[in-house]
């Protein structure tokens, strides 16, 4: 599973810098994955469809949610693939969140929104603009499973192709904001607790201090 190549292809096609990347999966082997790319940019909206017309409003470029249909047998393999992508694309760290299902007594509305967001299914914005453009035909089924069985979410902020290049202070990066594979870190097995948050730190500050 080469998520880094997929993300790099999307960066090249979109022509916009990335803010962050998330990958969501339900704990069932061989189910589709949802890769969401969060862009930094604005779309100019004009009353008339002519270039000379002045923009009347700027709206944020919506995130892109892609369904990845690939074979996988355990969460550890996804964990390693997410780490490899974050490492190669210059992320300071990769975070893994193991989240319980929101279809349970006492679950907050925020958990429901976060679950839908993880799988690329958010309502329209305040002015009717889409917050996410998704190519995920199985998103509703995945949300249904996640709401009952929980899900796992990986997230990172790439320097390569992202907005972080100018503020990055990381001596492990090459000039283009990437790192050479493979990732030297090993994944930590997911826990059995309902909630667990794991952060893999990759970055090394210019002073030589590894981040905790």
N, C-alpha and C. Protein backbone atom coordinates (compact mmCIF):
# COMPACT_ATOMS: atom_id res chain seq x y z
N UNK A 1 0.84 -1.20 0.00
CA UNK A 1 0.00 0.00 0.00
C UNK A 1 0.87 1.24 0.00
N UNK A 2 0.80 1.99 -1.08
CA UNK A 2 1.62 3.19 -1.21
C UNK A 2 0.73 4.42 -1.16
N UNK A 3 0.40 4.87 0.04
CA UNK A 3 -0.43 6.06 0.19
C UNK A 3 0.32 7.31 -0.25
N UNK A 4 1.63 7.33 -0.08
CA UNK A 4 2.42 8.51 -0.44
C UNK A 4 2.30 8.81 -1.93
N UNK A 5 2.36 7.79 -2.75
CA UNK A 5 2.25 7.99 -4.20
C UNK A 5 0.87 8.51 -4.57
N UNK A 6 -0.16 7.95 -3.93
CA UNK A 6 -1.53 8.41 -4.19
C UNK A 6 -1.70 9.87 -3.80
N UNK A 7 -1.17 10.25 -2.64
CA UNK A 7 -1.28 11.64 -2.18
C UNK A 7 -0.52 12.57 -3.10
N UNK A 8 0.69 12.16 -3.50
CA UNK A 8 1.50 12.99 -4.40
C UNK A 8 0.79 13.21 -5.74
N UNK A 9 0.11 12.18 -6.24
CA UNK A 9 -0.64 12.33 -7.50
C UNK A 9 -1.77 13.34 -7.34
N UNK A 10 -2.45 13.31 -6.19
CA UNK A 10 -3.55 14.24 -5.93
C UNK A 10 -3.03 15.67 -5.80
N UNK A 11 -1.87 15.85 -5.18
CA UNK A 11 -1.26 17.18 -5.06
C UNK A 11 -0.97 17.75 -6.43
N UNK A 12 -0.39 16.92 -7.30
CA UNK A 12 -0.05 17.36 -8.64
C UNK A 12 -1.29 17.73 -9.44
N UNK A 13 -2.38 16.96 -9.26
CA UNK A 13 -3.61 17.21 -10.01
C UNK A 13 -4.35 18.43 -9.50
N UNK A 14 -4.35 18.64 -8.18
CA UNK A 14 -5.14 19.73 -7.59
C UNK A 14 -4.47 21.09 -7.76
N UNK A 15 -3.15 21.13 -7.72
CA UNK A 15 -2.46 22.41 -7.82
C UNK A 15 -2.65 23.30 -6.62
N UNK A 16 -3.02 22.71 -5.47
CA UNK A 16 -3.23 23.46 -4.24
C UNK A 16 -2.35 22.86 -3.14
N UNK A 17 -1.88 23.67 -2.19
CA UNK A 17 -1.10 23.11 -1.08
C UNK A 17 -2.00 22.43 -0.06
N UNK A 18 -1.46 21.43 0.60
CA UNK A 18 -2.21 20.67 1.59
C UNK A 18 -2.06 21.27 2.98
N UNK A 19 -3.14 21.20 3.76
CA UNK A 19 -3.07 21.49 5.19
C UNK A 19 -2.81 20.20 5.97
N UNK A 20 -3.52 19.15 5.60
CA UNK A 20 -3.36 17.89 6.31
C UNK A 20 -4.00 16.74 5.56
N UNK A 21 -3.73 15.54 6.05
CA UNK A 21 -4.22 14.30 5.45
C UNK A 21 -4.78 13.42 6.55
N UNK A 22 -5.92 12.78 6.27
CA UNK A 22 -6.45 11.78 7.20
C UNK A 22 -6.77 10.50 6.44
N UNK A 23 -6.66 9.39 7.14
CA UNK A 23 -7.02 8.08 6.60
C UNK A 23 -7.90 7.39 7.63
N UNK A 24 -9.07 6.93 7.20
CA UNK A 24 -10.03 6.31 8.12
C UNK A 24 -10.31 4.88 7.69
N UNK A 25 -10.45 4.00 8.70
CA UNK A 25 -10.75 2.59 8.44
C UNK A 25 -11.61 2.05 9.56
N UNK A 26 -12.52 1.15 9.21
CA UNK A 26 -13.26 0.40 10.22
C UNK A 26 -12.48 -0.89 10.50
N UNK A 27 -12.65 -1.48 11.70
CA UNK A 27 -11.83 -2.64 12.09
C UNK A 27 -12.32 -3.95 11.48
N UNK A 28 -12.46 -3.96 10.17
CA UNK A 28 -12.92 -5.15 9.44
C UNK A 28 -12.02 -5.34 8.22
N UNK A 29 -11.26 -6.41 8.14
CA UNK A 29 -10.32 -6.61 7.03
C UNK A 29 -10.97 -6.47 5.66
N UNK A 30 -10.20 -5.91 4.74
CA UNK A 30 -10.59 -5.79 3.33
C UNK A 30 -11.75 -4.84 3.08
N UNK A 31 -12.14 -4.03 4.07
CA UNK A 31 -13.14 -3.01 3.83
C UNK A 31 -12.47 -1.78 3.21
N UNK A 32 -13.21 -0.96 2.46
CA UNK A 32 -12.61 0.22 1.84
C UNK A 32 -12.06 1.20 2.87
N UNK A 33 -11.09 1.97 2.45
CA UNK A 33 -10.48 3.02 3.27
C UNK A 33 -10.89 4.37 2.69
N UNK A 34 -10.96 5.38 3.54
CA UNK A 34 -11.28 6.73 3.07
C UNK A 34 -10.08 7.63 3.35
N UNK A 35 -9.48 8.11 2.28
CA UNK A 35 -8.34 9.04 2.35
C UNK A 35 -8.87 10.44 2.06
N UNK A 36 -8.69 11.36 3.02
CA UNK A 36 -9.19 12.73 2.86
C UNK A 36 -8.02 13.70 2.84
N UNK A 37 -8.00 14.55 1.84
CA UNK A 37 -6.95 15.56 1.67
C UNK A 37 -7.57 16.93 1.93
N UNK A 38 -7.02 17.66 2.87
CA UNK A 38 -7.54 18.97 3.26
C UNK A 38 -6.66 20.05 2.63
N UNK A 39 -7.26 20.84 1.74
CA UNK A 39 -6.51 21.81 0.94
C UNK A 39 -6.54 23.21 1.55
N UNK A 40 -5.51 23.98 1.20
CA UNK A 40 -5.46 25.39 1.57
C UNK A 40 -5.59 26.21 0.29
N UNK A 41 -6.69 26.91 0.15
CA UNK A 41 -6.90 27.71 -1.05
C UNK A 41 -8.32 28.23 -1.09
N UNK A 42 -8.58 29.12 -2.03
CA UNK A 42 -9.89 29.73 -2.15
C UNK A 42 -10.35 29.74 -3.60
N UNK A 43 -11.66 29.60 -3.77
CA UNK A 43 -12.27 29.65 -5.09
C UNK A 43 -12.95 31.00 -5.26
N UNK A 44 -12.66 31.68 -6.36
CA UNK A 44 -13.29 32.97 -6.64
C UNK A 44 -14.68 32.74 -7.25
N UNK A 45 -15.67 33.43 -6.71
CA UNK A 45 -17.03 33.32 -7.24
C UNK A 45 -17.43 34.66 -7.85
N UNK A 46 -17.90 34.61 -9.09
CA UNK A 46 -18.30 35.82 -9.82
C UNK A 46 -19.76 35.73 -10.21
N UNK A 47 -20.40 36.88 -10.35
CA UNK A 47 -21.79 36.92 -10.80
C UNK A 47 -21.88 36.52 -12.26
N UNK A 48 -20.95 37.03 -13.07
CA UNK A 48 -20.90 36.70 -14.49
C UNK A 48 -19.73 35.76 -14.75
N UNK A 49 -19.92 34.83 -15.65
CA UNK A 49 -18.89 33.85 -15.95
C UNK A 49 -17.90 34.38 -16.98
N UNK A 50 -17.33 35.54 -16.67
CA UNK A 50 -16.30 36.13 -17.53
C UNK A 50 -15.11 36.50 -16.66
N UNK A 51 -13.93 36.40 -17.24
CA UNK A 51 -12.70 36.60 -16.46
C UNK A 51 -12.58 38.03 -15.96
N UNK A 52 -13.12 38.99 -16.70
CA UNK A 52 -12.99 40.40 -16.31
C UNK A 52 -13.86 40.76 -15.12
N UNK A 53 -14.86 39.95 -14.82
CA UNK A 53 -15.75 40.25 -13.70
C UNK A 53 -15.01 40.11 -12.38
N UNK A 54 -15.30 41.01 -11.45
CA UNK A 54 -14.65 40.97 -10.15
C UNK A 54 -15.29 39.90 -9.26
N UNK A 55 -14.48 39.21 -8.47
CA UNK A 55 -15.05 38.21 -7.56
C UNK A 55 -15.95 38.87 -6.53
N UNK A 56 -17.08 38.24 -6.25
CA UNK A 56 -18.00 38.75 -5.23
C UNK A 56 -17.84 38.00 -3.91
N UNK A 57 -17.19 36.84 -3.98
CA UNK A 57 -17.01 36.06 -2.76
C UNK A 57 -15.90 35.05 -2.97
N UNK A 58 -15.19 34.72 -1.89
CA UNK A 58 -14.17 33.68 -1.93
C UNK A 58 -14.61 32.56 -1.00
N UNK A 59 -14.61 31.35 -1.49
CA UNK A 59 -14.95 30.20 -0.66
C UNK A 59 -13.77 29.25 -0.60
N UNK A 60 -13.64 28.55 0.51
CA UNK A 60 -12.52 27.64 0.69
C UNK A 60 -12.61 26.47 -0.28
N UNK A 61 -11.46 26.03 -0.75
CA UNK A 61 -11.41 24.84 -1.58
C UNK A 61 -11.86 23.65 -0.73
N UNK A 62 -12.86 22.89 -1.15
CA UNK A 62 -13.32 21.77 -0.33
C UNK A 62 -12.29 20.67 -0.24
N UNK A 63 -12.35 19.92 0.84
CA UNK A 63 -11.48 18.76 1.00
C UNK A 63 -11.86 17.70 -0.03
N UNK A 64 -10.93 16.80 -0.29
CA UNK A 64 -11.17 15.70 -1.24
C UNK A 64 -11.14 14.38 -0.48
N UNK A 65 -12.23 13.64 -0.55
CA UNK A 65 -12.31 12.33 0.10
C UNK A 65 -12.32 11.24 -0.98
N UNK A 66 -11.36 10.34 -0.91
CA UNK A 66 -11.20 9.29 -1.91
C UNK A 66 -11.39 7.93 -1.27
N UNK A 67 -12.14 7.08 -1.90
CA UNK A 67 -12.28 5.70 -1.42
C UNK A 67 -11.19 4.84 -2.04
N UNK A 68 -10.45 4.14 -1.19
CA UNK A 68 -9.39 3.25 -1.64
C UNK A 68 -9.83 1.81 -1.42
N UNK A 69 -9.95 1.07 -2.49
CA UNK A 69 -10.34 -0.34 -2.40
C UNK A 69 -9.10 -1.21 -2.57
N UNK A 70 -8.60 -1.71 -1.48
CA UNK A 70 -7.40 -2.53 -1.50
C UNK A 70 -7.49 -3.61 -0.44
N UNK A 71 -6.74 -4.66 -0.64
CA UNK A 71 -6.75 -5.77 0.30
C UNK A 71 -5.87 -5.45 1.51
N UNK A 72 -6.39 -5.71 2.70
CA UNK A 72 -5.58 -5.60 3.91
C UNK A 72 -6.17 -6.56 4.95
N UNK A 73 -5.31 -7.08 5.81
CA UNK A 73 -5.77 -8.11 6.74
C UNK A 73 -5.73 -7.69 8.20
N UNK A 74 -4.95 -6.67 8.54
CA UNK A 74 -4.87 -6.24 9.93
C UNK A 74 -4.54 -4.76 10.01
N UNK A 75 -4.93 -4.15 11.12
CA UNK A 75 -4.71 -2.72 11.28
C UNK A 75 -3.24 -2.36 11.31
N UNK A 76 -2.40 -3.28 11.74
CA UNK A 76 -0.97 -2.99 11.79
C UNK A 76 -0.41 -2.69 10.40
N UNK A 77 -0.94 -3.36 9.38
CA UNK A 77 -0.46 -3.11 8.02
C UNK A 77 -0.86 -1.70 7.57
N UNK A 78 -2.05 -1.27 7.94
CA UNK A 78 -2.48 0.10 7.64
C UNK A 78 -1.66 1.10 8.43
N UNK A 79 -1.37 0.77 9.67
CA UNK A 79 -0.57 1.64 10.53
C UNK A 79 0.79 1.90 9.89
N UNK A 80 1.42 0.84 9.44
CA UNK A 80 2.74 0.96 8.82
C UNK A 80 2.67 1.76 7.53
N UNK A 81 1.62 1.52 6.73
CA UNK A 81 1.48 2.25 5.47
C UNK A 81 1.26 3.74 5.72
N UNK A 82 0.47 4.08 6.74
CA UNK A 82 0.26 5.49 7.07
C UNK A 82 1.55 6.13 7.56
N UNK A 83 2.31 5.39 8.36
CA UNK A 83 3.59 5.90 8.83
C UNK A 83 4.54 6.15 7.67
N UNK A 84 4.58 5.22 6.73
CA UNK A 84 5.46 5.36 5.56
C UNK A 84 5.08 6.61 4.77
N UNK A 85 3.77 6.84 4.59
CA UNK A 85 3.33 8.01 3.84
C UNK A 85 3.73 9.29 4.56
N UNK A 86 3.48 9.36 5.86
CA UNK A 86 3.86 10.54 6.62
C UNK A 86 5.35 10.78 6.61
N UNK A 87 6.11 9.71 6.74
CA UNK A 87 7.57 9.81 6.72
C UNK A 87 8.06 10.34 5.37
N UNK A 88 7.61 9.74 4.28
CA UNK A 88 8.10 10.11 2.95
C UNK A 88 7.68 11.53 2.57
N UNK A 89 6.51 11.97 3.02
CA UNK A 89 6.02 13.30 2.66
C UNK A 89 6.44 14.38 3.65
N UNK A 90 7.31 14.03 4.59
CA UNK A 90 7.94 15.03 5.46
C UNK A 90 7.15 15.48 6.65
N UNK A 91 6.15 14.69 7.08
CA UNK A 91 5.37 15.09 8.25
C UNK A 91 6.22 15.05 9.51
N UNK A 92 5.97 15.98 10.44
CA UNK A 92 6.68 15.99 11.71
C UNK A 92 6.30 14.76 12.54
N UNK A 93 5.01 14.36 12.43
CA UNK A 93 4.55 13.17 13.14
C UNK A 93 3.32 12.60 12.44
N UNK A 94 2.94 11.41 12.84
CA UNK A 94 1.71 10.76 12.40
C UNK A 94 0.95 10.34 13.65
N UNK A 95 -0.32 10.73 13.74
CA UNK A 95 -1.14 10.40 14.90
C UNK A 95 -2.17 9.34 14.53
N UNK A 96 -2.34 8.37 15.41
CA UNK A 96 -3.37 7.35 15.22
C UNK A 96 -4.36 7.43 16.38
N UNK A 97 -5.64 7.56 16.04
CA UNK A 97 -6.69 7.61 17.06
C UNK A 97 -7.61 6.41 16.89
N UNK A 98 -7.77 5.65 17.96
CA UNK A 98 -8.72 4.54 17.97
C UNK A 98 -9.98 5.05 18.65
N UNK A 99 -11.06 5.13 17.90
CA UNK A 99 -12.26 5.78 18.39
C UNK A 99 -13.42 4.79 18.50
N UNK A 100 -14.20 4.91 19.57
CA UNK A 100 -15.34 4.01 19.75
C UNK A 100 -16.49 4.41 18.84
N UNK A 101 -17.44 3.51 18.67
CA UNK A 101 -18.63 3.82 17.90
C UNK A 101 -19.45 4.90 18.58
N UNK A 102 -20.07 5.76 17.78
CA UNK A 102 -20.88 6.85 18.35
C UNK A 102 -22.33 6.44 18.54
N UNK A 103 -22.70 5.26 18.08
CA UNK A 103 -24.07 4.78 18.26
C UNK A 103 -24.16 4.02 19.59
N UNK A 104 -24.04 4.76 20.67
CA UNK A 104 -24.05 4.17 22.00
C UNK A 104 -24.61 5.18 22.99
N UNK A 105 -25.06 4.71 24.10
CA UNK A 105 -25.61 5.57 25.13
C UNK A 105 -24.53 6.51 25.66
N UNK A 106 -24.82 7.78 25.70
CA UNK A 106 -23.89 8.76 26.24
C UNK A 106 -22.96 9.38 25.22
N UNK A 107 -22.97 8.91 23.96
CA UNK A 107 -22.11 9.49 22.94
C UNK A 107 -22.57 10.91 22.61
N UNK A 108 -21.64 11.80 22.40
CA UNK A 108 -21.97 13.20 22.12
C UNK A 108 -22.23 13.41 20.63
N UNK A 109 -22.88 14.51 20.32
CA UNK A 109 -23.12 14.85 18.92
C UNK A 109 -21.80 15.14 18.20
N UNK A 110 -20.83 15.62 18.95
CA UNK A 110 -19.52 15.88 18.35
C UNK A 110 -18.89 14.59 17.83
N UNK A 111 -19.05 13.49 18.56
CA UNK A 111 -18.50 12.23 18.11
C UNK A 111 -19.14 11.79 16.79
N UNK A 112 -20.44 12.04 16.65
CA UNK A 112 -21.13 11.69 15.41
C UNK A 112 -20.59 12.51 14.24
N UNK A 113 -20.40 13.81 14.47
CA UNK A 113 -19.87 14.68 13.42
C UNK A 113 -18.45 14.26 13.04
N UNK A 114 -17.62 13.95 14.05
CA UNK A 114 -16.25 13.54 13.77
C UNK A 114 -16.20 12.23 13.00
N UNK A 115 -17.13 11.32 13.30
CA UNK A 115 -17.19 10.05 12.57
C UNK A 115 -17.54 10.30 11.11
N UNK A 116 -18.52 11.13 10.87
CA UNK A 116 -18.91 11.44 9.49
C UNK A 116 -17.79 12.17 8.77
N UNK A 117 -17.12 13.06 9.45
CA UNK A 117 -16.02 13.80 8.85
C UNK A 117 -14.89 12.85 8.47
N UNK A 118 -14.60 11.87 9.32
CA UNK A 118 -13.51 10.93 9.05
C UNK A 118 -13.73 10.17 7.75
N UNK A 119 -15.00 9.92 7.42
CA UNK A 119 -15.31 9.16 6.22
C UNK A 119 -15.83 10.05 5.08
N UNK A 120 -15.52 11.34 5.18
CA UNK A 120 -15.78 12.26 4.08
C UNK A 120 -17.23 12.60 3.84
N UNK A 121 -18.06 12.55 4.87
CA UNK A 121 -19.49 12.82 4.70
C UNK A 121 -19.92 13.93 5.63
N UNK A 122 -19.77 15.17 5.19
CA UNK A 122 -20.20 16.32 5.97
C UNK A 122 -21.30 17.07 5.22
N UNK A 123 -22.19 17.75 5.93
CA UNK A 123 -23.23 18.54 5.26
C UNK A 123 -22.63 19.75 4.56
N UNK A 124 -23.46 20.49 3.84
CA UNK A 124 -23.01 21.69 3.16
C UNK A 124 -22.63 22.77 4.16
N UNK A 125 -21.83 23.72 3.71
CA UNK A 125 -21.45 24.84 4.55
C UNK A 125 -22.61 25.80 4.76
N UNK A 126 -22.33 26.88 5.48
CA UNK A 126 -23.39 27.83 5.84
C UNK A 126 -24.03 28.48 4.62
N UNK A 127 -23.26 28.64 3.54
CA UNK A 127 -23.79 29.29 2.34
C UNK A 127 -24.07 28.27 1.23
N UNK A 128 -24.15 27.00 1.61
CA UNK A 128 -24.51 25.97 0.63
C UNK A 128 -23.36 25.39 -0.14
N UNK A 129 -22.12 25.80 0.17
CA UNK A 129 -20.97 25.27 -0.55
C UNK A 129 -20.57 23.92 0.04
N UNK A 130 -20.07 23.00 -0.77
CA UNK A 130 -19.65 21.71 -0.24
C UNK A 130 -18.38 21.83 0.58
N UNK A 131 -18.35 21.18 1.73
CA UNK A 131 -17.15 21.17 2.56
C UNK A 131 -16.20 20.07 2.13
N UNK A 132 -16.76 19.03 1.54
CA UNK A 132 -15.97 17.89 1.07
C UNK A 132 -16.50 17.45 -0.28
N UNK A 133 -15.59 17.27 -1.23
CA UNK A 133 -15.93 16.65 -2.51
C UNK A 133 -15.46 15.21 -2.42
N UNK A 134 -16.38 14.26 -2.47
CA UNK A 134 -15.96 12.89 -2.22
C UNK A 134 -16.28 11.95 -3.37
N UNK A 135 -15.38 11.02 -3.56
CA UNK A 135 -15.55 9.91 -4.49
C UNK A 135 -15.51 8.65 -3.63
N UNK A 136 -16.54 8.47 -2.85
CA UNK A 136 -16.60 7.39 -1.87
C UNK A 136 -17.98 6.76 -1.88
N UNK A 137 -18.25 5.88 -2.83
CA UNK A 137 -19.59 5.30 -2.95
C UNK A 137 -20.04 4.48 -1.74
N UNK A 138 -19.08 3.97 -0.95
CA UNK A 138 -19.44 3.14 0.20
C UNK A 138 -19.36 3.89 1.53
N UNK A 139 -19.32 5.23 1.46
CA UNK A 139 -19.14 6.02 2.69
C UNK A 139 -20.26 5.78 3.69
N UNK A 140 -21.49 5.74 3.23
CA UNK A 140 -22.61 5.57 4.16
C UNK A 140 -22.53 4.22 4.88
N UNK A 141 -22.17 3.17 4.15
CA UNK A 141 -22.06 1.85 4.77
C UNK A 141 -20.91 1.83 5.78
N UNK A 142 -19.81 2.50 5.44
CA UNK A 142 -18.67 2.55 6.36
C UNK A 142 -19.02 3.32 7.63
N UNK A 143 -19.76 4.41 7.48
CA UNK A 143 -20.18 5.18 8.65
C UNK A 143 -21.10 4.35 9.54
N UNK A 144 -21.95 3.56 8.93
CA UNK A 144 -22.84 2.70 9.70
C UNK A 144 -22.05 1.70 10.53
N UNK A 145 -21.04 1.08 9.91
CA UNK A 145 -20.20 0.12 10.64
C UNK A 145 -19.40 0.84 11.72
N UNK A 146 -18.82 2.01 11.38
CA UNK A 146 -18.01 2.75 12.33
C UNK A 146 -18.83 3.21 13.54
N UNK A 147 -20.07 3.59 13.31
CA UNK A 147 -20.91 4.06 14.41
C UNK A 147 -21.21 2.96 15.41
N UNK A 148 -21.16 1.70 14.94
CA UNK A 148 -21.43 0.57 15.82
C UNK A 148 -20.17 -0.08 16.36
N UNK A 149 -19.15 -0.18 15.52
CA UNK A 149 -17.94 -0.94 15.89
C UNK A 149 -16.72 -0.08 16.17
N UNK A 150 -16.83 1.22 15.94
CA UNK A 150 -15.68 2.09 16.10
C UNK A 150 -14.86 2.17 14.83
N UNK A 151 -13.82 2.99 14.85
CA UNK A 151 -12.98 3.15 13.68
C UNK A 151 -11.61 3.66 14.11
N UNK A 152 -10.67 3.65 13.16
CA UNK A 152 -9.32 4.13 13.41
C UNK A 152 -9.02 5.25 12.43
N UNK A 153 -8.43 6.33 12.93
CA UNK A 153 -8.13 7.49 12.11
C UNK A 153 -6.66 7.85 12.23
N UNK A 154 -5.97 7.93 11.10
CA UNK A 154 -4.59 8.39 11.06
C UNK A 154 -4.57 9.81 10.49
N UNK A 155 -3.72 10.67 11.00
CA UNK A 155 -3.65 12.04 10.50
C UNK A 155 -2.21 12.54 10.55
N UNK A 156 -1.85 13.35 9.55
CA UNK A 156 -0.54 13.99 9.54
C UNK A 156 -0.58 15.22 8.63
N UNK A 157 0.43 16.08 8.79
CA UNK A 157 0.54 17.31 8.01
C UNK A 157 1.82 17.26 7.19
N UNK A 158 1.73 17.02 5.91
CA UNK A 158 2.94 16.87 5.09
C UNK A 158 3.63 18.21 4.83
N UNK A 159 4.94 18.19 4.84
CA UNK A 159 5.71 19.37 4.43
C UNK A 159 5.77 19.41 2.90
N UNK A 160 6.05 18.28 2.28
CA UNK A 160 6.08 18.21 0.82
C UNK A 160 4.67 18.40 0.27
N UNK A 161 4.49 19.42 -0.56
CA UNK A 161 3.18 19.70 -1.12
C UNK A 161 2.22 20.36 -0.15
N UNK A 162 2.73 20.78 1.02
CA UNK A 162 1.87 21.38 2.03
C UNK A 162 2.24 22.82 2.31
N UNK A 163 1.52 23.42 3.24
CA UNK A 163 1.75 24.83 3.59
C UNK A 163 2.83 24.99 4.64
N UNK A 164 3.42 23.88 5.09
CA UNK A 164 4.32 23.91 6.24
C UNK A 164 5.79 24.08 5.89
N UNK A 165 6.11 24.13 4.59
CA UNK A 165 7.52 24.18 4.19
C UNK A 165 8.25 25.40 4.76
N UNK A 166 7.59 26.56 4.77
CA UNK A 166 8.25 27.79 5.20
C UNK A 166 8.46 27.87 6.70
N UNK A 167 7.72 27.08 7.47
CA UNK A 167 7.85 27.13 8.92
C UNK A 167 8.46 25.85 9.49
N UNK A 168 8.85 24.95 8.62
CA UNK A 168 9.39 23.68 9.07
C UNK A 168 10.82 23.85 9.59
N UNK A 169 11.08 23.28 10.74
CA UNK A 169 12.42 23.28 11.32
C UNK A 169 12.78 21.83 11.62
N UNK A 170 13.14 21.10 10.58
CA UNK A 170 13.33 19.66 10.70
C UNK A 170 14.57 19.25 9.91
N UNK A 171 15.58 18.83 10.61
CA UNK A 171 16.85 18.49 9.97
C UNK A 171 16.82 17.17 9.22
N UNK A 172 15.73 16.40 9.34
CA UNK A 172 15.65 15.11 8.65
C UNK A 172 15.14 15.25 7.22
N UNK A 173 14.67 16.45 6.84
CA UNK A 173 14.05 16.63 5.53
C UNK A 173 15.07 16.92 4.44
N UNK A 174 14.74 16.45 3.24
CA UNK A 174 15.50 16.84 2.06
C UNK A 174 15.01 18.20 1.58
N UNK A 175 15.65 18.75 0.56
CA UNK A 175 15.35 20.11 0.12
C UNK A 175 13.90 20.26 -0.37
N UNK A 176 13.31 19.19 -0.87
CA UNK A 176 11.93 19.27 -1.37
C UNK A 176 10.90 18.91 -0.31
N UNK A 177 11.33 18.76 0.94
CA UNK A 177 10.41 18.46 2.02
C UNK A 177 10.07 17.00 2.19
N UNK A 178 10.77 16.12 1.50
CA UNK A 178 10.53 14.69 1.61
C UNK A 178 11.62 14.01 2.44
N UNK A 179 11.39 12.74 2.76
CA UNK A 179 12.41 11.89 3.35
C UNK A 179 12.53 10.62 2.52
N UNK A 180 13.69 10.03 2.53
CA UNK A 180 13.87 8.80 1.78
C UNK A 180 13.29 7.62 2.54
N UNK A 181 12.53 6.78 1.86
CA UNK A 181 12.02 5.57 2.52
C UNK A 181 13.15 4.56 2.72
N UNK A 182 12.95 3.59 3.62
CA UNK A 182 11.72 3.34 4.39
C UNK A 182 11.71 4.11 5.70
N UNK A 183 10.52 4.15 6.32
CA UNK A 183 10.38 4.75 7.64
C UNK A 183 11.13 3.88 8.65
N UNK A 184 12.02 4.46 9.47
CA UNK A 184 12.80 3.66 10.41
C UNK A 184 12.06 3.27 11.68
N UNK A 185 10.85 3.77 11.87
CA UNK A 185 10.09 3.49 13.08
C UNK A 185 9.17 2.29 12.87
N UNK A 186 8.85 1.63 13.95
CA UNK A 186 7.96 0.47 13.90
C UNK A 186 6.62 0.80 14.54
N UNK A 187 5.53 0.25 14.01
CA UNK A 187 4.21 0.56 14.56
C UNK A 187 3.99 -0.08 15.93
N UNK A 188 3.17 0.59 16.72
CA UNK A 188 2.76 0.08 18.03
C UNK A 188 1.42 -0.62 17.86
N UNK A 189 1.27 -1.86 18.30
CA UNK A 189 0.00 -2.57 18.12
C UNK A 189 -1.15 -1.80 18.74
N UNK A 190 -2.29 -1.75 18.03
CA UNK A 190 -3.47 -1.08 18.60
C UNK A 190 -3.88 -1.72 19.91
N UNK A 191 -4.42 -0.91 20.82
CA UNK A 191 -4.83 -1.42 22.13
C UNK A 191 -6.24 -1.95 22.12
N UNK A 192 -6.63 -2.50 23.23
CA UNK A 192 -7.97 -3.04 23.38
C UNK A 192 -8.92 -2.06 24.07
N UNK A 193 -8.39 -0.91 24.47
CA UNK A 193 -9.24 0.08 25.12
C UNK A 193 -10.14 0.78 24.10
N UNK A 194 -11.24 1.31 24.59
CA UNK A 194 -12.19 1.97 23.69
C UNK A 194 -11.59 3.23 23.07
N UNK A 195 -10.73 3.91 23.81
CA UNK A 195 -10.09 5.12 23.30
C UNK A 195 -8.59 5.01 23.48
N UNK A 196 -7.88 5.33 22.43
CA UNK A 196 -6.43 5.32 22.53
C UNK A 196 -5.85 6.23 21.46
N UNK A 197 -4.84 6.99 21.84
CA UNK A 197 -4.22 7.93 20.92
C UNK A 197 -2.72 7.68 20.92
N UNK A 198 -2.17 7.42 19.74
CA UNK A 198 -0.74 7.13 19.59
C UNK A 198 -0.14 8.11 18.61
N UNK A 199 1.00 8.70 18.96
CA UNK A 199 1.67 9.64 18.08
C UNK A 199 3.08 9.13 17.78
N UNK A 200 3.39 9.01 16.50
CA UNK A 200 4.73 8.62 16.05
C UNK A 200 5.48 9.89 15.67
N UNK A 201 6.54 10.20 16.41
CA UNK A 201 7.31 11.41 16.16
C UNK A 201 8.46 11.11 15.21
N UNK A 202 8.57 11.90 14.13
CA UNK A 202 9.63 11.71 13.14
C UNK A 202 10.62 12.87 13.13
N UNK A 203 10.14 14.08 13.39
CA UNK A 203 10.95 15.26 13.19
C UNK A 203 12.10 15.40 14.18
N UNK A 204 13.16 16.01 13.70
CA UNK A 204 14.32 16.37 14.53
C UNK A 204 14.61 17.85 14.29
N UNK A 205 14.52 18.66 15.34
CA UNK A 205 14.76 20.10 15.20
C UNK A 205 16.20 20.35 14.77
N UNK A 206 16.43 21.51 14.21
CA UNK A 206 17.75 21.84 13.68
C UNK A 206 18.83 21.78 14.76
N UNK A 207 18.42 21.93 16.04
CA UNK A 207 19.37 21.83 17.12
C UNK A 207 19.73 20.40 17.47
N UNK A 208 19.09 19.44 16.80
CA UNK A 208 19.40 18.02 17.03
C UNK A 208 18.55 17.35 18.07
N UNK A 209 17.49 18.01 18.54
CA UNK A 209 16.63 17.45 19.58
C UNK A 209 15.45 16.75 18.93
N UNK A 210 15.26 15.50 19.25
CA UNK A 210 14.13 14.75 18.73
C UNK A 210 12.90 15.12 19.54
N UNK A 211 11.80 15.41 18.85
CA UNK A 211 10.56 15.78 19.54
C UNK A 211 10.00 14.59 20.30
N UNK A 212 9.44 14.86 21.49
CA UNK A 212 8.80 13.81 22.26
C UNK A 212 7.38 13.58 21.76
